[in-house]
Amino acid sequence: MSQLSKSLEKRIQELTSSIESQKIELAAYQHVLHMELAKEGTPAQTVTAIPEIAPAPPAETVEAPEAEAPAAAEVVYTGNKTALVTDIVKSFGGAGATPKDVDAFFNAKNIKRSTNLVYNTLSYLVARDRLVRRDGKYFLPGTAPAPAKKKAPAKKKAAAPVKTATKRKLSPEGLKRIKEALKKRWADKRAAAAAKKK
């Protein structure tokens, strides 16, 4: 399979996943709107006239977020958003909750929040040891799966020492012989040069 085919296939999977999650989010909004209109006493004809869009069945390669349903059913918002985030993560149990799961709950319940509230709250709870983060998911302490063991890096062999030229120390006798040989050599050169001039 060519690189282009692989990248196209990956992008199609991403778009399919995005569309599926948007359909689920849309269905949740419609359900909340339906319930709110029923509370306000809107006539039944108006309530039933809201178009219901059922989420499409998930594609074979895309997993549907199954854990969102129990989270929405079990968690109750009491006004404390930090406690709410903890309860949402708790409802996911050993499966763990991603920031998107928590955000989807806020969207489904139409709870107003700042842009980074979910991420900031999750980071705060991890810093206070009230949550554990592993592989992009958040768990209550004790419910997180054991971390995957990482292989120890292979030990590098020590490089062979580089041989450097060592300075030689000459004995006084050796230096004396070299000086004498040089004097003799220059004397021979001078004698040869003088013989040529004659």
Protein backbone atom coordinates (compact mmCIF):
# COMPACT_ATOMS: atom_id res chain seq x y z
CA MET A 1 0.00 0.00 0.00
CA SER A 2 1.43 3.37 -0.99
CA GLN A 3 2.05 6.20 1.47
CA LEU A 4 -0.74 8.26 -0.12
CA SER A 5 -3.22 5.39 0.27
CA LYS A 6 -2.25 4.96 3.91
CA SER A 7 -2.65 8.67 4.66
CA LEU A 8 -6.01 8.80 2.85
CA GLU A 9 -7.24 5.75 4.76
CA LYS A 10 -6.14 7.31 8.06
CA ARG A 11 -7.89 10.61 7.23
CA ILE A 12 -11.09 8.78 6.28
CA GLN A 13 -11.04 6.97 9.63
CA GLU A 14 -10.51 10.27 11.46
CA LEU A 15 -13.38 11.95 9.61
CA THR A 16 -15.66 8.95 10.17
CA SER A 17 -14.87 9.00 13.87
CA SER A 18 -15.50 12.76 14.01
CA ILE A 19 -18.83 12.43 12.21
CA GLU A 20 -19.91 9.61 14.53
CA SER A 21 -19.04 11.62 17.64
CA GLN A 22 -20.88 14.67 16.26
CA LYS A 23 -23.96 12.56 15.57
CA ILE A 24 -23.85 11.22 19.13
CA GLU A 25 -23.43 14.75 20.48
CA LEU A 26 -26.31 15.99 18.30
CA ALA A 27 -28.54 13.19 19.56
CA ALA A 28 -27.65 14.10 23.16
CA TYR A 29 -28.50 17.77 22.56
CA GLN A 30 -31.80 16.81 20.96
CA HIS A 31 -32.62 14.54 23.88
CA VAL A 32 -31.90 17.33 26.41
CA LEU A 33 -33.98 19.80 24.36
CA HIS A 34 -36.81 17.28 24.21
CA MET A 35 -36.72 16.89 28.00
CA GLU A 36 -36.56 20.66 28.60
CA LEU A 37 -39.54 21.30 26.32
CA ALA A 38 -41.47 18.58 28.15
CA LYS A 39 -40.67 20.24 31.53
CA GLU A 40 -41.85 23.63 30.27
CA GLY A 41 -45.18 22.12 29.33
CA THR A 42 -44.83 22.62 25.62
CA PRO A 43 -47.68 20.87 23.80
CA ALA A 44 -46.99 17.26 22.88
CA GLN A 45 -47.32 18.05 19.16
CA THR A 46 -44.40 20.52 19.39
CA VAL A 47 -42.28 18.14 21.43
CA THR A 48 -42.80 15.21 19.10
CA ALA A 49 -42.22 17.43 16.08
CA ILE A 50 -38.51 17.75 16.97
CA PRO A 51 -36.62 15.70 14.41
CA GLU A 52 -34.77 12.86 16.09
CA ILE A 53 -31.54 11.84 14.38
CA ALA A 54 -30.39 8.48 15.58
CA PRO A 55 -26.64 8.03 15.51
CA ALA A 56 -25.46 5.99 12.57
CA PRO A 57 -24.10 2.54 13.33
CA PRO A 58 -20.37 2.71 13.89
CA ALA A 59 -18.07 1.82 11.02
CA GLU A 60 -16.09 -1.40 11.28
CA THR A 61 -12.80 0.38 11.89
CA VAL A 62 -14.18 2.99 14.32
CA GLU A 63 -15.12 2.08 17.87
CA ALA A 64 -18.23 3.73 19.27
CA PRO A 65 -17.73 5.40 22.64
CA GLU A 66 -19.63 2.81 24.70
CA ALA A 67 -18.57 4.21 28.06
CA GLU A 68 -20.40 7.53 27.56
CA ALA A 69 -23.83 6.05 28.28
CA PRO A 70 -23.12 4.88 31.87
CA ALA A 71 -21.37 8.16 32.64
CA ALA A 72 -24.40 10.20 31.58
CA ALA A 73 -26.81 7.97 33.51
CA GLU A 74 -24.95 7.71 36.85
CA VAL A 75 -23.43 11.17 37.38
CA VAL A 76 -25.44 14.02 38.89
CA TYR A 77 -24.28 17.65 38.74
CA THR A 78 -24.52 19.33 42.14
CA GLY A 79 -22.91 22.65 41.22
CA ASN A 80 -19.26 21.75 41.94
CA LYS A 81 -17.52 21.22 38.60
CA THR A 82 -14.36 19.72 40.16
CA ALA A 83 -16.46 17.10 41.95
CA LEU A 84 -18.40 16.55 38.73
CA VAL A 85 -15.21 15.81 36.77
CA THR A 86 -14.15 13.35 39.50
CA ASP A 87 -17.55 11.64 39.37
CA ILE A 88 -17.43 11.40 35.58
CA VAL A 89 -14.00 9.75 35.69
CA LYS A 90 -15.24 7.45 38.49
CA SER A 91 -18.21 6.35 36.37
CA PHE A 92 -15.86 5.12 33.64
CA GLY A 93 -14.13 2.79 36.13
CA GLY A 94 -11.24 0.69 34.85
CA ALA A 95 -11.82 1.77 31.24
CA GLY A 96 -10.65 5.29 32.07
CA ALA A 97 -12.02 8.58 30.79
CA THR A 98 -10.43 10.83 28.22
CA PRO A 99 -10.82 14.61 28.31
CA LYS A 100 -13.18 14.26 25.32
CA ASP A 101 -15.40 11.91 27.35
CA VAL A 102 -15.62 14.46 30.17
CA ASP A 103 -16.24 17.28 27.69
CA ALA A 104 -19.00 15.27 25.98
CA PHE A 105 -20.77 14.91 29.34
CA PHE A 106 -20.63 18.69 29.89
CA ASN A 107 -22.04 19.20 26.39
CA ALA A 108 -24.78 16.61 26.88
CA LYS A 109 -25.89 18.20 30.17
CA ASN A 110 -25.47 21.70 28.70
CA ILE A 111 -23.28 22.81 31.62
CA LYS A 112 -21.51 26.10 30.96
CA ARG A 113 -17.75 26.15 31.47
CA SER A 114 -14.62 27.96 30.41
CA THR A 115 -12.68 26.73 27.39
CA ASN A 116 -9.97 24.86 29.30
CA LEU A 117 -11.95 23.86 32.39
CA VAL A 118 -11.85 20.14 31.66
CA TYR A 119 -8.09 20.02 31.04
CA ASN A 120 -7.29 22.34 33.95
CA THR A 121 -9.47 20.37 36.36
CA LEU A 122 -8.01 17.04 35.28
CA SER A 123 -4.47 18.41 35.71
CA TYR A 124 -5.41 19.81 39.13
CA LEU A 125 -6.84 16.48 40.28
CA VAL A 126 -3.75 14.58 39.06
CA ALA A 127 -1.47 17.05 40.90
CA ARG A 128 -3.48 16.44 44.11
CA ASP A 129 -3.27 12.62 43.64
CA ARG A 130 -7.04 12.37 43.31
CA LEU A 131 -6.74 11.03 39.76
CA VAL A 132 -4.11 9.05 37.88
CA ARG A 133 -3.21 9.72 34.24
CA ARG A 134 -2.06 6.84 32.08
CA ASP A 135 -1.89 6.63 28.27
CA GLY A 136 -4.08 9.71 27.78
CA LYS A 137 -6.85 8.44 30.07
CA TYR A 138 -7.72 9.37 33.64
CA PHE A 139 -8.55 6.91 36.43
CA LEU A 140 -9.29 6.99 40.13
CA PRO A 141 -6.27 5.80 42.14
CA GLY A 142 -6.33 2.02 42.37
CA THR A 143 -8.43 1.49 39.25
CA ALA A 144 -5.74 2.32 36.71
CA PRO A 145 -4.21 -0.61 34.84
CA ALA A 146 -0.56 -1.35 35.46
CA PRO A 147 1.72 0.65 33.19
CA ALA A 148 3.28 -1.19 30.29
CA LYS A 149 6.86 -2.18 31.03
CA LYS A 150 9.35 -0.33 28.92
CA LYS A 151 12.42 -2.11 27.66
CA ALA A 152 15.65 -0.86 29.10
CA PRO A 153 17.78 0.80 26.44
CA ALA A 154 20.59 -1.39 25.16
CA LYS A 155 23.89 -0.60 26.75
CA LYS A 156 26.35 1.01 24.40
CA LYS A 157 29.74 -0.56 24.11
CA ALA A 158 32.53 1.62 25.33
CA ALA A 159 34.44 3.10 22.45
CA ALA A 160 37.99 1.90 22.05
CA PRO A 161 40.42 4.45 23.42
CA VAL A 162 41.99 6.62 20.75
CA LYS A 163 45.72 6.12 20.52
CA THR A 164 47.60 9.36 20.68
CA ALA A 165 51.24 9.93 19.96
CA THR A 166 53.23 9.95 23.16
CA LYS A 167 56.17 12.26 23.55
CA ARG A 168 59.47 10.48 23.70
CA LYS A 169 62.03 11.52 26.20
CA LEU A 170 65.59 11.21 24.99
CA SER A 171 68.40 10.42 27.31
CA PRO A 172 71.29 12.92 27.57
CA GLU A 173 73.52 10.45 25.71
CA GLY A 174 71.00 10.22 22.87
CA LEU A 175 70.79 14.00 22.57
CA LYS A 176 74.59 14.20 22.52
CA ARG A 177 74.78 11.65 19.64
CA ILE A 178 72.15 13.58 17.63
CA LYS A 179 74.05 16.87 18.07
CA GLU A 180 77.30 15.27 17.00
CA ALA A 181 75.66 13.65 13.94
CA LEU A 182 74.17 17.04 12.91
CA LYS A 183 77.52 18.81 13.33
CA LYS A 184 79.19 16.13 11.20
CA ARG A 185 76.48 16.38 8.54
CA TRP A 186 76.79 20.19 8.26
CA ALA A 187 80.56 19.97 8.24
CA ASP A 188 80.39 17.45 5.36
CA LYS A 189 77.98 19.74 3.46
CA ARG A 190 80.29 22.74 3.93
CA ALA A 191 83.30 20.68 2.77
CA ALA A 192 81.37 19.48 -0.32
CA ALA A 193 80.34 23.07 -1.15
CA ALA A 194 83.94 24.30 -0.75
CA ALA A 195 85.24 21.49 -3.01
CA LYS A 196 82.78 22.51 -5.72
CA LYS A 197 84.00 26.12 -5.67
CA LYS A 198 87.60 25.13 -6.35
